[in-house]
Amino acid sequence: MTPRETPVPLGAALAGIPSGVRSTGPWAGRRQLFVRFARVAETATMFTADALRNELVRLAQRSAYHSIAICGGDPLGEADFLAAALDGGAPLSVMLDHDGQRPESLDRLLKSLALVQVTLTGEETEEALSRAMATIRQSADKHVAHALVLMPKADPSDGRLLRIVEQAKGASAETAVVVHPAAESLSEDRRWLLWLERASVVHGDVRLLPLLPEPTGTRC
């Protein structure tokens, strides 16, 4: 192979690999290593796929963790990098926490994932919801555990949130749905208790959980 043909090592900008306690979804409360992709204007460090794989092994040997969370930025925008980093297996179970907007990039990673978590706010467009549901359906088709996490912003109507839950069930009856309202909403009124009663009729696996506050809870 000539120098011109030598492949360039895959690399990506990461905001770090901190440890923390997951604050959202079905694995909330678990101690994790967070592989955080950098967002715009965030300080970042470039990692090759080999460097990330080696660092995860090193960190997993230094302490006890439940799993690895891939999150932040646009992780599936770096699907080739992640596939290379996770090729051959990871030292812990791996979850992907993202917005579900790149179902076409998910296939190359599914064999390496233990959980696909799609996190929404309830304010998404119908097109964005359709892509998120395609991600859930794709995970189900490959027999990978999948979850929909709702973190309502502003004040989406109860009916809209119920329709999203119904769409998630339509995508896969095995979808774990976890809703994290703002803490003050849970403490000030019964709206969410009444909503959960209605949602449980729509889908049998819906949970209502408060967010673990920082610094205990870690969000991407």
N, C-alpha and C. Protein backbone atom coordinates (compact mmCIF):
# COMPACT_ATOMS: atom_id res chain seq x y z
N MET A 1 0.85 -1.18 0.00
CA MET A 1 0.00 0.00 0.00
C MET A 1 0.89 1.24 0.00
N THR A 2 0.65 2.18 -0.92
CA THR A 2 1.43 3.40 -0.99
C THR A 2 1.01 4.34 0.11
N PRO A 3 1.86 5.33 0.47
CA PRO A 3 1.49 6.29 1.51
C PRO A 3 0.16 6.98 1.22
N ARG A 4 -0.12 7.22 -0.07
CA ARG A 4 -1.37 7.89 -0.42
C ARG A 4 -2.57 7.02 -0.08
N GLU A 5 -2.39 5.71 -0.11
CA GLU A 5 -3.51 4.79 0.15
C GLU A 5 -3.65 4.43 1.62
N THR A 6 -2.70 4.84 2.46
CA THR A 6 -2.78 4.50 3.88
C THR A 6 -4.00 5.15 4.51
N PRO A 7 -4.88 4.36 5.14
CA PRO A 7 -6.09 4.95 5.72
C PRO A 7 -5.75 5.88 6.88
N VAL A 8 -6.50 6.98 6.95
CA VAL A 8 -6.33 7.92 8.05
C VAL A 8 -7.11 7.40 9.26
N PRO A 9 -6.50 7.32 10.44
CA PRO A 9 -7.23 6.83 11.62
C PRO A 9 -8.47 7.67 11.88
N LEU A 10 -9.59 7.00 12.17
CA LEU A 10 -10.82 7.72 12.47
C LEU A 10 -10.66 8.47 13.78
N GLY A 11 -11.15 9.70 13.81
CA GLY A 11 -11.06 10.50 15.02
C GLY A 11 -12.32 11.32 15.22
N ALA A 12 -12.55 11.74 16.46
CA ALA A 12 -13.72 12.56 16.78
C ALA A 12 -13.40 13.44 17.97
N ALA A 13 -14.13 14.55 18.06
CA ALA A 13 -13.94 15.51 19.14
C ALA A 13 -14.85 15.15 20.31
N LEU A 14 -14.24 14.84 21.45
CA LEU A 14 -15.00 14.49 22.65
C LEU A 14 -14.83 15.57 23.71
N ALA A 15 -15.91 15.81 24.44
CA ALA A 15 -15.86 16.77 25.55
C ALA A 15 -15.32 16.10 26.81
N GLY A 16 -15.00 14.83 26.72
CA GLY A 16 -14.42 14.11 27.85
C GLY A 16 -15.06 12.76 28.05
N ILE A 17 -14.53 12.02 29.03
CA ILE A 17 -15.10 10.72 29.42
C ILE A 17 -15.25 10.75 30.94
N PRO A 18 -16.16 11.57 31.45
CA PRO A 18 -16.33 11.66 32.90
C PRO A 18 -17.09 10.46 33.44
N SER A 19 -16.98 10.23 34.73
CA SER A 19 -17.83 9.24 35.40
C SER A 19 -18.94 10.00 36.13
N GLY A 20 -20.05 9.33 36.32
CA GLY A 20 -21.16 9.97 37.01
C GLY A 20 -22.31 9.01 37.20
N VAL A 21 -23.40 9.53 37.75
CA VAL A 21 -24.62 8.76 37.99
C VAL A 21 -25.66 9.19 36.97
N ARG A 22 -26.15 8.25 36.19
CA ARG A 22 -27.14 8.59 35.15
C ARG A 22 -28.39 9.14 35.79
N SER A 23 -28.89 10.23 35.20
CA SER A 23 -30.06 10.88 35.79
C SER A 23 -31.34 10.61 35.02
N THR A 24 -31.26 10.00 33.82
CA THR A 24 -32.46 9.82 33.01
C THR A 24 -32.60 8.39 32.52
N GLY A 25 -33.85 8.03 32.22
CA GLY A 25 -34.12 6.77 31.54
C GLY A 25 -34.17 5.56 32.43
N PRO A 26 -34.29 4.37 31.84
CA PRO A 26 -34.42 3.13 32.61
C PRO A 26 -33.19 2.77 33.41
N TRP A 27 -32.03 3.32 33.06
CA TRP A 27 -30.82 3.07 33.83
C TRP A 27 -30.50 4.21 34.80
N ALA A 28 -31.47 5.05 35.09
CA ALA A 28 -31.27 6.14 36.05
C ALA A 28 -30.78 5.59 37.38
N GLY A 29 -29.79 6.27 37.96
CA GLY A 29 -29.21 5.83 39.23
C GLY A 29 -28.01 4.92 39.07
N ARG A 30 -27.72 4.50 37.84
CA ARG A 30 -26.56 3.65 37.60
C ARG A 30 -25.29 4.49 37.45
N ARG A 31 -24.18 3.94 37.93
CA ARG A 31 -22.90 4.61 37.79
C ARG A 31 -22.32 4.28 36.41
N GLN A 32 -21.96 5.32 35.67
CA GLN A 32 -21.55 5.12 34.29
C GLN A 32 -20.28 5.90 33.95
N LEU A 33 -19.67 5.47 32.84
CA LEU A 33 -18.68 6.28 32.14
C LEU A 33 -19.41 6.96 30.98
N PHE A 34 -19.29 8.27 30.86
CA PHE A 34 -19.99 9.03 29.85
C PHE A 34 -19.02 9.43 28.72
N VAL A 35 -19.24 8.87 27.54
CA VAL A 35 -18.48 9.29 26.37
C VAL A 35 -19.27 10.45 25.76
N ARG A 36 -18.80 11.67 25.99
CA ARG A 36 -19.55 12.86 25.61
C ARG A 36 -18.95 13.51 24.36
N PHE A 37 -19.73 13.52 23.29
CA PHE A 37 -19.32 14.22 22.09
C PHE A 37 -19.47 15.72 22.32
N ALA A 38 -18.52 16.48 21.81
CA ALA A 38 -18.51 17.93 22.05
C ALA A 38 -19.60 18.63 21.24
N ARG A 39 -20.25 19.58 21.89
CA ARG A 39 -21.19 20.47 21.21
C ARG A 39 -20.43 21.70 20.71
N VAL A 40 -21.13 22.51 19.93
CA VAL A 40 -20.52 23.72 19.39
C VAL A 40 -20.01 24.60 20.53
N ALA A 41 -18.79 25.09 20.39
CA ALA A 41 -18.16 26.01 21.35
C ALA A 41 -17.72 25.31 22.64
N GLU A 42 -17.87 23.98 22.71
CA GLU A 42 -17.40 23.25 23.89
C GLU A 42 -15.93 22.88 23.71
N THR A 43 -15.18 22.94 24.79
CA THR A 43 -13.79 22.50 24.75
C THR A 43 -13.75 21.01 24.43
N ALA A 44 -12.91 20.64 23.50
CA ALA A 44 -12.90 19.24 23.04
C ALA A 44 -11.48 18.72 22.92
N THR A 45 -11.38 17.41 22.99
CA THR A 45 -10.12 16.69 22.77
C THR A 45 -10.34 15.68 21.67
N MET A 46 -9.42 15.62 20.73
CA MET A 46 -9.55 14.66 19.64
C MET A 46 -9.09 13.27 20.11
N PHE A 47 -9.92 12.28 19.83
CA PHE A 47 -9.61 10.88 20.12
C PHE A 47 -9.65 10.09 18.83
N THR A 48 -8.70 9.21 18.65
CA THR A 48 -8.85 8.20 17.61
C THR A 48 -9.72 7.08 18.17
N ALA A 49 -10.22 6.22 17.29
CA ALA A 49 -11.03 5.09 17.74
C ALA A 49 -10.22 4.19 18.68
N ASP A 50 -8.97 3.94 18.34
CA ASP A 50 -8.11 3.11 19.19
C ASP A 50 -7.90 3.75 20.55
N ALA A 51 -7.69 5.07 20.58
CA ALA A 51 -7.45 5.77 21.84
C ALA A 51 -8.69 5.70 22.73
N LEU A 52 -9.87 5.85 22.14
CA LEU A 52 -11.09 5.77 22.93
C LEU A 52 -11.26 4.36 23.49
N ARG A 53 -11.07 3.35 22.66
CA ARG A 53 -11.22 1.97 23.13
C ARG A 53 -10.26 1.68 24.29
N ASN A 54 -9.02 2.09 24.14
CA ASN A 54 -8.03 1.84 25.19
C ASN A 54 -8.34 2.61 26.47
N GLU A 55 -8.84 3.83 26.32
CA GLU A 55 -9.16 4.63 27.51
C GLU A 55 -10.35 4.04 28.25
N LEU A 56 -11.34 3.53 27.55
CA LEU A 56 -12.49 2.90 28.21
C LEU A 56 -12.05 1.65 28.98
N VAL A 57 -11.18 0.87 28.39
CA VAL A 57 -10.67 -0.31 29.08
C VAL A 57 -9.91 0.10 30.34
N ARG A 58 -9.07 1.12 30.21
CA ARG A 58 -8.27 1.58 31.36
C ARG A 58 -9.18 2.09 32.49
N LEU A 59 -10.17 2.90 32.15
CA LEU A 59 -11.06 3.46 33.17
C LEU A 59 -11.92 2.38 33.82
N ALA A 60 -12.39 1.42 33.02
CA ALA A 60 -13.23 0.35 33.55
C ALA A 60 -12.46 -0.54 34.52
N GLN A 61 -11.15 -0.61 34.36
CA GLN A 61 -10.33 -1.43 35.25
C GLN A 61 -10.01 -0.71 36.57
N ARG A 62 -10.16 0.61 36.58
CA ARG A 62 -9.78 1.39 37.76
C ARG A 62 -10.89 1.47 38.80
N SER A 63 -12.15 1.27 38.38
CA SER A 63 -13.27 1.39 39.31
C SER A 63 -14.43 0.57 38.80
N ALA A 64 -15.52 0.51 39.59
CA ALA A 64 -16.69 -0.29 39.22
C ALA A 64 -17.76 0.59 38.59
N TYR A 65 -18.19 0.22 37.39
CA TYR A 65 -19.23 0.94 36.67
C TYR A 65 -20.26 -0.05 36.16
N HIS A 66 -21.49 0.43 36.02
CA HIS A 66 -22.54 -0.40 35.46
C HIS A 66 -22.43 -0.47 33.94
N SER A 67 -22.08 0.66 33.30
CA SER A 67 -22.17 0.72 31.85
C SER A 67 -21.48 1.98 31.32
N ILE A 68 -21.48 2.06 29.99
CA ILE A 68 -20.94 3.21 29.27
C ILE A 68 -22.09 3.90 28.56
N ALA A 69 -22.15 5.22 28.67
CA ALA A 69 -23.17 6.01 27.97
C ALA A 69 -22.51 6.82 26.87
N ILE A 70 -23.00 6.68 25.66
CA ILE A 70 -22.55 7.50 24.54
C ILE A 70 -23.59 8.60 24.35
N CYS A 71 -23.16 9.85 24.40
CA CYS A 71 -24.14 10.93 24.44
C CYS A 71 -23.50 12.25 24.04
N GLY A 72 -24.27 13.32 24.17
CA GLY A 72 -23.76 14.65 23.87
C GLY A 72 -23.68 14.91 22.38
N GLY A 73 -23.69 16.17 21.99
CA GLY A 73 -23.50 16.52 20.59
C GLY A 73 -24.38 15.72 19.65
N ASP A 74 -23.78 15.19 18.61
CA ASP A 74 -24.49 14.38 17.60
C ASP A 74 -23.75 13.06 17.44
N PRO A 75 -23.91 12.12 18.38
CA PRO A 75 -23.07 10.92 18.37
C PRO A 75 -23.17 10.10 17.09
N LEU A 76 -24.37 10.00 16.50
CA LEU A 76 -24.48 9.19 15.29
C LEU A 76 -23.95 9.91 14.05
N GLY A 77 -23.59 11.18 14.21
CA GLY A 77 -22.84 11.84 13.16
C GLY A 77 -21.43 11.30 13.07
N GLU A 78 -21.02 10.55 14.10
CA GLU A 78 -19.69 9.92 14.14
C GLU A 78 -19.83 8.41 14.22
N ALA A 79 -20.80 7.87 13.47
CA ALA A 79 -21.10 6.44 13.56
C ALA A 79 -19.92 5.57 13.16
N ASP A 80 -19.17 5.98 12.14
CA ASP A 80 -18.01 5.18 11.71
C ASP A 80 -16.96 5.14 12.81
N PHE A 81 -16.73 6.28 13.44
CA PHE A 81 -15.77 6.35 14.54
C PHE A 81 -16.21 5.44 15.69
N LEU A 82 -17.47 5.50 16.06
CA LEU A 82 -17.96 4.67 17.16
C LEU A 82 -17.91 3.19 16.81
N ALA A 83 -18.28 2.85 15.59
CA ALA A 83 -18.24 1.45 15.17
C ALA A 83 -16.82 0.90 15.27
N ALA A 84 -15.84 1.72 14.88
CA ALA A 84 -14.45 1.29 14.97
C ALA A 84 -14.00 1.17 16.42
N ALA A 85 -14.42 2.11 17.26
CA ALA A 85 -14.02 2.09 18.66
C ALA A 85 -14.62 0.91 19.41
N LEU A 86 -15.84 0.52 19.05
CA LEU A 86 -16.53 -0.55 19.76
C LEU A 86 -16.38 -1.91 19.09
N ASP A 87 -15.70 -1.94 17.96
CA ASP A 87 -15.50 -3.21 17.26
C ASP A 87 -14.72 -4.18 18.15
N GLY A 88 -15.23 -5.38 18.27
CA GLY A 88 -14.58 -6.37 19.12
C GLY A 88 -15.07 -6.35 20.54
N GLY A 89 -16.01 -5.45 20.84
CA GLY A 89 -16.59 -5.43 22.18
C GLY A 89 -16.04 -4.32 23.05
N ALA A 90 -16.84 -3.92 24.04
CA ALA A 90 -16.46 -2.89 25.01
C ALA A 90 -16.31 -3.55 26.37
N PRO A 91 -15.62 -2.89 27.30
CA PRO A 91 -15.42 -3.51 28.62
C PRO A 91 -16.67 -3.54 29.48
N LEU A 92 -17.71 -2.79 29.08
CA LEU A 92 -18.97 -2.72 29.82
C LEU A 92 -20.12 -2.67 28.82
N SER A 93 -21.34 -2.87 29.31
CA SER A 93 -22.51 -2.67 28.45
C SER A 93 -22.54 -1.21 27.98
N VAL A 94 -23.01 -1.01 26.76
CA VAL A 94 -23.00 0.33 26.16
C VAL A 94 -24.42 0.76 25.82
N MET A 95 -24.76 1.99 26.20
CA MET A 95 -26.03 2.58 25.79
C MET A 95 -25.76 3.81 24.93
N LEU A 96 -26.69 4.09 24.03
CA LEU A 96 -26.65 5.29 23.21
C LEU A 96 -27.81 6.17 23.62
N ASP A 97 -27.52 7.40 24.06
CA ASP A 97 -28.55 8.36 24.44
C ASP A 97 -28.51 9.50 23.43
N HIS A 98 -29.58 9.63 22.62
CA HIS A 98 -29.58 10.63 21.56
C HIS A 98 -31.00 11.01 21.20
N ASP A 99 -31.15 11.86 20.18
CA ASP A 99 -32.48 12.36 19.80
C ASP A 99 -33.18 11.52 18.75
N GLY A 100 -32.55 10.45 18.31
CA GLY A 100 -33.19 9.53 17.38
C GLY A 100 -33.32 10.04 15.96
N GLN A 101 -32.54 11.06 15.58
CA GLN A 101 -32.73 11.69 14.28
C GLN A 101 -31.88 11.10 13.16
N ARG A 102 -31.09 10.06 13.44
CA ARG A 102 -30.27 9.45 12.38
C ARG A 102 -30.48 7.93 12.33
N PRO A 103 -31.72 7.48 12.09
CA PRO A 103 -31.94 6.03 12.05
C PRO A 103 -31.10 5.35 10.97
N GLU A 104 -30.78 6.08 9.90
CA GLU A 104 -30.00 5.48 8.82
C GLU A 104 -28.56 5.17 9.24
N SER A 105 -28.09 5.79 10.33
CA SER A 105 -26.73 5.56 10.81
C SER A 105 -26.66 4.57 11.97
N LEU A 106 -27.81 4.11 12.43
CA LEU A 106 -27.85 3.29 13.64
C LEU A 106 -27.41 1.85 13.41
N ASP A 107 -27.69 1.32 12.24
CA ASP A 107 -27.45 -0.11 11.99
C ASP A 107 -26.03 -0.55 12.29
N ARG A 108 -25.06 0.28 11.92
CA ARG A 108 -23.66 -0.13 12.07
C ARG A 108 -23.23 -0.19 13.53
N LEU A 109 -24.08 0.33 14.44
CA LEU A 109 -23.72 0.32 15.87
C LEU A 109 -24.53 -0.66 16.69
N LEU A 110 -25.68 -1.09 16.20
CA LEU A 110 -26.62 -1.85 17.04
C LEU A 110 -26.00 -3.10 17.64
N LYS A 111 -25.12 -3.77 16.92
CA LYS A 111 -24.52 -5.00 17.45
C LYS A 111 -23.67 -4.74 18.68
N SER A 112 -23.27 -3.47 18.90
CA SER A 112 -22.41 -3.13 20.03
C SER A 112 -23.18 -2.52 21.19
N LEU A 113 -24.49 -2.35 21.05
CA LEU A 113 -25.29 -1.63 22.05
C LEU A 113 -26.17 -2.56 22.86
N ALA A 114 -26.31 -2.23 24.14
CA ALA A 114 -27.23 -2.94 25.02
C ALA A 114 -28.54 -2.18 25.20
N LEU A 115 -28.51 -0.86 24.94
CA LEU A 115 -29.71 -0.04 25.10
C LEU A 115 -29.63 1.16 24.17
N VAL A 116 -30.73 1.40 23.45
CA VAL A 116 -30.87 2.62 22.65
C VAL A 116 -31.90 3.49 23.33
N GLN A 117 -31.48 4.67 23.77
CA GLN A 117 -32.37 5.60 24.47
C GLN A 117 -32.59 6.82 23.59
N VAL A 118 -33.85 7.08 23.26
CA VAL A 118 -34.23 8.26 22.48
C VAL A 118 -34.82 9.27 23.46
N THR A 119 -34.21 10.44 23.54
CA THR A 119 -34.63 11.46 24.49
C THR A 119 -35.28 12.63 23.75
N LEU A 120 -36.52 12.93 24.11
CA LEU A 120 -37.30 13.99 23.45
C LEU A 120 -37.83 14.97 24.50
N THR A 121 -38.26 16.14 24.01
CA THR A 121 -38.82 17.16 24.90
C THR A 121 -40.34 17.27 24.79
N GLY A 122 -40.91 16.68 23.73
CA GLY A 122 -42.34 16.84 23.49
C GLY A 122 -42.65 17.97 22.53
N GLU A 123 -41.64 18.76 22.17
CA GLU A 123 -41.85 19.90 21.26
C GLU A 123 -41.40 19.60 19.83
N GLU A 124 -41.01 18.36 19.56
CA GLU A 124 -40.48 18.01 18.24
C GLU A 124 -41.54 18.13 17.14
N THR A 125 -41.08 18.39 15.92
CA THR A 125 -41.98 18.39 14.77
C THR A 125 -42.43 16.97 14.46
N GLU A 126 -43.45 16.84 13.63
CA GLU A 126 -43.93 15.52 13.26
C GLU A 126 -42.85 14.74 12.50
N GLU A 127 -42.06 15.45 11.70
CA GLU A 127 -40.98 14.79 10.97
C GLU A 127 -39.93 14.25 11.95
N ALA A 128 -39.59 15.05 12.95
CA ALA A 128 -38.60 14.61 13.94
C ALA A 128 -39.14 13.42 14.73
N LEU A 129 -40.42 13.45 15.08
CA LEU A 129 -41.02 12.33 15.80
C LEU A 129 -41.00 11.07 14.94
N SER A 130 -41.27 11.23 13.66
CA SER A 130 -41.27 10.07 12.76
C SER A 130 -39.89 9.42 12.72
N ARG A 131 -38.84 10.23 12.69
CA ARG A 131 -37.48 9.68 12.65
C ARG A 131 -37.14 9.02 14.00
N ALA A 132 -37.59 9.62 15.09
CA ALA A 132 -37.34 9.04 16.41
C ALA A 132 -38.02 7.68 16.53
N MET A 133 -39.24 7.57 16.02
CA MET A 133 -39.96 6.30 16.07
C MET A 133 -39.32 5.26 15.15
N ALA A 134 -38.75 5.71 14.04
CA ALA A 134 -38.03 4.79 13.16
C ALA A 134 -36.81 4.22 13.88
N THR A 135 -36.16 5.04 14.69
CA THR A 135 -35.02 4.57 15.48
C THR A 135 -35.45 3.51 16.48
N ILE A 136 -36.58 3.75 17.15
CA ILE A 136 -37.09 2.77 18.12
C ILE A 136 -37.44 1.47 17.40
N ARG A 137 -38.11 1.58 16.26
CA ARG A 137 -38.52 0.39 15.50
C ARG A 137 -37.30 -0.41 15.03
N GLN A 138 -36.29 0.31 14.60
CA GLN A 138 -35.07 -0.33 14.11
C GLN A 138 -34.38 -1.11 15.24
N SER A 139 -34.33 -0.51 16.43
CA SER A 139 -33.73 -1.18 17.59
C SER A 139 -34.50 -2.45 17.93
N ALA A 140 -35.82 -2.34 17.90
CA ALA A 140 -36.66 -3.50 18.20
C ALA A 140 -36.44 -4.61 17.18
N ASP A 141 -36.34 -4.24 15.91
CA ASP A 141 -36.14 -5.24 14.86
C ASP A 141 -34.84 -6.02 15.05
N LYS A 142 -33.84 -5.37 15.64
CA LYS A 142 -32.54 -6.02 15.88
C LYS A 142 -32.44 -6.58 17.30
N HIS A 143 -33.56 -6.56 18.04
CA HIS A 143 -33.63 -7.14 19.39
C HIS A 143 -32.66 -6.46 20.35
N VAL A 144 -32.54 -5.14 20.22
CA VAL A 144 -31.75 -4.35 21.16
C VAL A 144 -32.73 -3.58 22.06
N ALA A 145 -32.52 -3.62 23.37
CA ALA A 145 -33.40 -2.92 24.30
C ALA A 145 -33.49 -1.45 23.92
N HIS A 146 -34.69 -0.86 24.07
CA HIS A 146 -34.91 0.51 23.62
C HIS A 146 -35.85 1.23 24.57
N ALA A 147 -35.61 2.54 24.68
CA ALA A 147 -36.39 3.36 25.61
C ALA A 147 -36.68 4.71 24.99
N LEU A 148 -37.83 5.27 25.35
CA LEU A 148 -38.17 6.64 25.03
C LEU A 148 -38.18 7.43 26.32
N VAL A 149 -37.39 8.49 26.37
CA VAL A 149 -37.35 9.35 27.54
C VAL A 149 -37.96 10.69 27.17
N LEU A 150 -38.94 11.14 27.94
CA LEU A 150 -39.58 12.44 27.72
C LEU A 150 -39.15 13.38 28.83
N MET A 151 -38.55 14.50 28.43
CA MET A 151 -38.16 15.55 29.37
C MET A 151 -38.87 16.83 28.94
N PRO A 152 -40.15 16.96 29.33
CA PRO A 152 -40.98 18.05 28.80
C PRO A 152 -40.39 19.43 29.09
N LYS A 153 -40.33 20.25 28.03
CA LYS A 153 -39.96 21.64 28.17
C LYS A 153 -41.19 22.49 27.92
N ALA A 154 -41.15 23.74 28.39
CA ALA A 154 -42.30 24.63 28.27
C ALA A 154 -43.50 23.91 28.87
N ASP A 155 -44.57 23.75 28.12
CA ASP A 155 -45.74 23.09 28.68
C ASP A 155 -46.50 22.35 27.59
N PRO A 156 -45.91 21.27 27.03
CA PRO A 156 -46.65 20.50 26.02
C PRO A 156 -47.91 19.93 26.63
N SER A 157 -48.96 19.88 25.83
CA SER A 157 -50.24 19.41 26.36
C SER A 157 -50.17 17.95 26.76
N ASP A 158 -51.04 17.58 27.69
CA ASP A 158 -51.11 16.18 28.10
C ASP A 158 -51.43 15.29 26.90
N GLY A 159 -52.33 15.78 26.05
CA GLY A 159 -52.72 14.99 24.89
C GLY A 159 -51.55 14.75 23.94
N ARG A 160 -50.71 15.76 23.74
CA ARG A 160 -49.56 15.57 22.85
C ARG A 160 -48.61 14.54 23.42
N LEU A 161 -48.34 14.61 24.71
CA LEU A 161 -47.43 13.63 25.32
C LEU A 161 -48.03 12.23 25.24
N LEU A 162 -49.33 12.12 25.41
CA LEU A 162 -49.98 10.81 25.28
C LEU A 162 -49.85 10.27 23.86
N ARG A 163 -49.96 11.15 22.87
CA ARG A 163 -49.84 10.69 21.48
C ARG A 163 -48.42 10.21 21.19
N ILE A 164 -47.43 10.86 21.80
CA ILE A 164 -46.05 10.40 21.61
C ILE A 164 -45.86 9.02 22.23
N VAL A 165 -46.44 8.81 23.41
CA VAL A 165 -46.38 7.49 24.04
C VAL A 165 -47.06 6.46 23.16
N GLU A 166 -48.20 6.82 22.58
CA GLU A 166 -48.92 5.89 21.70
C GLU A 166 -48.08 5.57 20.46
N GLN A 167 -47.40 6.57 19.90
CA GLN A 167 -46.54 6.32 18.75
C GLN A 167 -45.38 5.40 19.11
N ALA A 168 -44.83 5.58 20.31
CA ALA A 168 -43.72 4.72 20.74
C ALA A 168 -44.18 3.28 20.87
N LYS A 169 -45.38 3.09 21.40
CA LYS A 169 -45.90 1.72 21.50
C LYS A 169 -46.14 1.15 20.11
N GLY A 170 -46.61 2.00 19.18
CA GLY A 170 -46.82 1.54 17.81
C GLY A 170 -45.51 1.13 17.15
N ALA A 171 -44.42 1.84 17.49
CA ALA A 171 -43.11 1.48 16.94
C ALA A 171 -42.62 0.17 17.52
N SER A 172 -42.86 -0.03 18.83
CA SER A 172 -42.48 -1.28 19.50
C SER A 172 -43.21 -1.38 20.82
N ALA A 173 -43.92 -2.46 21.00
CA ALA A 173 -44.63 -2.68 22.27
C ALA A 173 -43.67 -2.90 23.43
N GLU A 174 -42.38 -3.13 23.12
CA GLU A 174 -41.38 -3.34 24.17
C GLU A 174 -40.68 -2.05 24.60
N THR A 175 -41.11 -0.91 24.09
CA THR A 175 -40.47 0.36 24.44
C THR A 175 -40.69 0.69 25.91
N ALA A 176 -39.60 0.95 26.62
CA ALA A 176 -39.71 1.45 28.00
C ALA A 176 -39.83 2.97 27.91
N VAL A 177 -40.91 3.52 28.44
CA VAL A 177 -41.13 4.97 28.41
C VAL A 177 -40.90 5.52 29.81
N VAL A 178 -40.00 6.50 29.91
CA VAL A 178 -39.70 7.14 31.19
C VAL A 178 -39.90 8.64 31.02
N VAL A 179 -40.70 9.23 31.91
CA VAL A 179 -41.00 10.66 31.85
C VAL A 179 -40.37 11.34 33.05
N HIS A 180 -39.63 12.43 32.78
CA HIS A 180 -38.97 13.20 33.84
C HIS A 180 -39.50 14.63 33.83
N PRO A 181 -40.60 14.90 34.53
CA PRO A 181 -41.08 16.28 34.61
C PRO A 181 -40.14 17.11 35.48
N ALA A 182 -40.29 18.45 35.36
CA ALA A 182 -39.54 19.32 36.26
C ALA A 182 -39.95 19.02 37.70
N ALA A 183 -38.99 19.08 38.61
CA ALA A 183 -39.24 18.71 40.00
C ALA A 183 -40.39 19.51 40.60
N GLU A 184 -40.46 20.81 40.26
CA GLU A 184 -41.52 21.64 40.85
C GLU A 184 -42.90 21.21 40.36
N SER A 185 -42.97 20.65 39.13
CA SER A 185 -44.25 20.18 38.63
C SER A 185 -44.75 18.98 39.43
N LEU A 186 -43.83 18.11 39.82
CA LEU A 186 -44.23 16.93 40.59
C LEU A 186 -44.70 17.31 41.99
N SER A 187 -44.11 18.34 42.56
CA SER A 187 -44.41 18.66 43.95
C SER A 187 -45.59 19.59 44.11
N GLU A 188 -45.98 20.31 43.04
CA GLU A 188 -46.98 21.37 43.21
C GLU A 188 -48.39 20.96 42.80
N ASP A 189 -48.56 19.97 41.97
CA ASP A 189 -49.91 19.61 41.55
C ASP A 189 -49.98 18.12 41.22
N ARG A 190 -51.21 17.67 40.97
CA ARG A 190 -51.45 16.25 40.70
C ARG A 190 -51.50 15.96 39.20
N ARG A 191 -51.14 16.94 38.39
CA ARG A 191 -51.27 16.76 36.95
C ARG A 191 -50.57 15.50 36.48
N TRP A 192 -49.34 15.30 36.94
CA TRP A 192 -48.56 14.19 36.42
C TRP A 192 -49.07 12.84 36.91
N LEU A 193 -49.61 12.81 38.10
CA LEU A 193 -50.19 11.56 38.58
C LEU A 193 -51.41 11.18 37.75
N LEU A 194 -52.22 12.19 37.40
CA LEU A 194 -53.38 11.93 36.55
C LEU A 194 -52.94 11.55 35.14
N TRP A 195 -51.89 12.23 34.66
CA TRP A 195 -51.39 11.91 33.32
C TRP A 195 -50.86 10.49 33.27
N LEU A 196 -50.13 10.07 34.32
CA LEU A 196 -49.58 8.71 34.34
C LEU A 196 -50.69 7.68 34.31
N GLU A 197 -51.79 7.95 34.98
CA GLU A 197 -52.92 7.02 34.96
C GLU A 197 -53.43 6.83 33.53
N ARG A 198 -53.54 7.94 32.80
CA ARG A 198 -54.01 7.86 31.41
C ARG A 198 -52.96 7.19 30.52
N ALA A 199 -51.69 7.52 30.74
CA ALA A 199 -50.63 6.95 29.91
C ALA A 199 -50.50 5.46 30.11
N SER A 200 -50.75 4.99 31.32
CA SER A 200 -50.64 3.56 31.61
C SER A 200 -51.71 2.75 30.90
N VAL A 201 -52.81 3.40 30.55
CA VAL A 201 -53.83 2.74 29.75
C VAL A 201 -53.36 2.61 28.30
N VAL A 202 -52.65 3.63 27.83
CA VAL A 202 -52.15 3.63 26.45
C VAL A 202 -51.03 2.61 26.27
N HIS A 203 -50.13 2.53 27.27
CA HIS A 203 -48.95 1.66 27.15
C HIS A 203 -48.59 1.14 28.54
N GLY A 204 -48.32 -0.13 28.63
CA GLY A 204 -48.12 -0.76 29.94
C GLY A 204 -46.80 -0.47 30.61
N ASP A 205 -45.83 0.10 29.89
CA ASP A 205 -44.51 0.34 30.48
C ASP A 205 -44.19 1.84 30.43
N VAL A 206 -44.83 2.60 31.31
CA VAL A 206 -44.59 4.03 31.44
C VAL A 206 -44.24 4.33 32.88
N ARG A 207 -43.10 5.00 33.07
CA ARG A 207 -42.65 5.36 34.41
C ARG A 207 -42.51 6.87 34.56
N LEU A 208 -42.83 7.37 35.74
CA LEU A 208 -42.70 8.78 36.08
C LEU A 208 -41.62 8.90 37.14
N LEU A 209 -40.51 9.57 36.80
CA LEU A 209 -39.38 9.64 37.72
C LEU A 209 -38.87 11.07 37.83
N PRO A 210 -38.56 11.53 39.05
CA PRO A 210 -37.88 12.83 39.19
C PRO A 210 -36.44 12.70 38.72
N LEU A 211 -35.88 13.81 38.24
CA LEU A 211 -34.48 13.82 37.86
C LEU A 211 -33.59 13.88 39.08
N LEU A 212 -32.50 13.10 39.05
CA LEU A 212 -31.51 13.25 40.10
C LEU A 212 -30.85 14.62 39.94
N PRO A 213 -30.83 15.43 40.99
CA PRO A 213 -30.25 16.77 40.85
C PRO A 213 -28.74 16.72 40.71
N GLU A 214 -28.18 17.70 40.01
CA GLU A 214 -26.73 17.84 39.99
C GLU A 214 -26.26 18.30 41.37
N PRO A 215 -25.08 17.91 41.82
CA PRO A 215 -24.07 17.18 41.05
C PRO A 215 -24.21 15.66 41.09
N THR A 216 -25.22 15.13 41.84
CA THR A 216 -25.36 13.68 41.89
C THR A 216 -25.70 13.12 40.52
N GLY A 217 -26.74 13.65 39.90
CA GLY A 217 -27.15 13.17 38.59
C GLY A 217 -26.35 13.78 37.47
N THR A 218 -26.06 12.98 36.46
CA THR A 218 -25.29 13.44 35.31
C THR A 218 -26.15 13.33 34.07
N ARG A 219 -26.25 14.44 33.33
CA ARG A 219 -26.98 14.45 32.07
C ARG A 219 -26.02 14.81 30.94
N CYS A 220 -26.34 14.34 29.76
CA CYS A 220 -25.49 14.64 28.61
C CYS A 220 -25.94 15.89 27.93
